[in-house]
Protein backbone atom coordinates (compact mmCIF):
# COMPACT_ATOMS: atom_id res chain seq x y z
CA MET A 1 -2.34 -5.74 -21.24
CA THR A 2 0.66 -5.09 -21.10
CA THR A 3 2.59 -2.75 -23.92
CA GLU A 4 5.23 -3.78 -26.13
CA LYS A 5 7.29 -1.19 -24.20
CA GLY A 6 6.79 -2.63 -21.06
CA LEU A 7 3.87 -1.13 -19.78
CA TYR A 8 0.99 -2.31 -17.97
CA THR A 9 -3.06 -0.63 -18.62
CA SER A 10 -5.30 -0.11 -15.93
CA GLY A 11 -6.45 -3.42 -15.57
CA ALA A 12 -3.58 -4.75 -15.74
CA VAL A 13 -1.82 -3.07 -13.06
CA ALA A 14 -6.25 -4.13 -11.13
CA ALA A 15 -5.40 -7.43 -11.77
CA ARG A 16 -2.20 -7.95 -10.97
CA VAL A 17 -2.92 -6.24 -7.26
CA SER A 18 -5.89 -8.79 -7.59
CA MET A 19 -8.48 -5.79 -7.81
CA SER A 20 -10.70 -4.16 -9.61
CA ARG A 21 -10.01 -1.85 -12.29
CA ALA A 22 -12.69 0.33 -11.18
CA CYS A 23 -11.26 -0.10 -7.71
CA PHE A 24 -8.47 0.56 -8.99
CA LEU A 25 -9.33 3.47 -11.44
CA TYR A 26 -11.15 5.19 -8.11
CA LEU A 27 -7.98 5.20 -6.00
CA VAL A 28 -5.78 6.93 -7.94
CA GLU A 29 -8.41 9.33 -9.04
CA ARG A 30 -8.86 11.10 -5.72
CA GLY A 31 -4.64 10.15 -4.79
CA ASP A 32 -5.12 7.13 -2.47
CA SER A 33 -2.96 5.07 -5.39
CA PRO A 34 0.52 6.61 -7.18
CA ALA A 35 -0.90 7.85 -10.58
CA PRO A 36 0.75 6.78 -13.87
CA THR A 37 3.57 7.89 -15.66
CA PHE A 38 1.92 7.73 -19.00
CA GLN A 39 -1.20 9.36 -19.70
CA VAL A 40 -2.05 8.98 -23.56
CA PRO A 41 -5.47 10.81 -24.22
CA GLY A 42 -8.14 7.84 -22.93
CA ARG A 43 -5.48 5.17 -21.32
CA ARG A 44 -2.67 5.26 -18.02
CA LEU A 45 -0.38 3.79 -18.58
CA PHE A 46 1.99 2.06 -15.67
CA THR A 47 6.04 1.43 -15.34
CA GLU A 48 7.06 -1.47 -14.03
CA ALA A 49 7.88 1.20 -11.51
CA ASP A 50 4.72 2.62 -11.46
CA VAL A 51 3.51 -0.99 -10.39
CA LEU A 52 5.73 -0.86 -7.80
CA ARG A 53 5.09 2.49 -5.89
CA ILE A 54 1.64 1.37 -6.03
CA GLU A 55 2.19 -2.64 -4.68
CA ALA A 56 3.85 -0.64 -1.30
CA ALA A 57 1.25 2.18 -1.01
CA LEU A 58 -1.27 -0.49 -0.97
CA ALA A 59 0.61 -3.13 1.43
CA ALA A 60 1.17 -0.06 3.62
CA ASN A 61 -2.28 0.71 3.58
CA PRO A 62 -4.93 -2.48 3.27
CA ASP A 63 -7.61 -1.06 4.25
CA LEU A 64 -7.72 1.49 0.56
CA ARG A 65 -8.38 -2.27 -0.75
CA GLY A 66 -11.80 -2.01 0.77
CA THR A 67 -14.03 -4.18 2.91
CA SER A 68 -13.38 -7.95 1.89
CA GLU A 69 -9.75 -7.39 2.80
CA ARG A 70 -9.87 -5.78 6.11
CA GLU A 71 -9.77 -8.43 8.99
CA PRO A 72 -13.13 -8.31 11.19
CA PRO A 73 -13.64 -6.30 14.40
CA SER A 74 -12.54 -7.23 17.09
CA GLU A 75 -16.06 -8.21 19.43
CA SER A 76 -16.65 -6.33 22.75
CA PRO A 77 -17.39 -7.51 25.62
């Protein structure tokens, strides 16, 4: 969901980066993903700049996306 002021909810950000909301919030809580600019009671609101930083962080570290996004391990001889 995008608010009328161009802010994104955590669910909207998670959908944009193709990740479950729970997984995305876990990364935010752990500090592995940039935190939102705005927080109001019960809501995290992300700006477009926040979303771009999150996309860059995920691109720089694909392991943050979880096992389904990783390349399979190479086979040892």
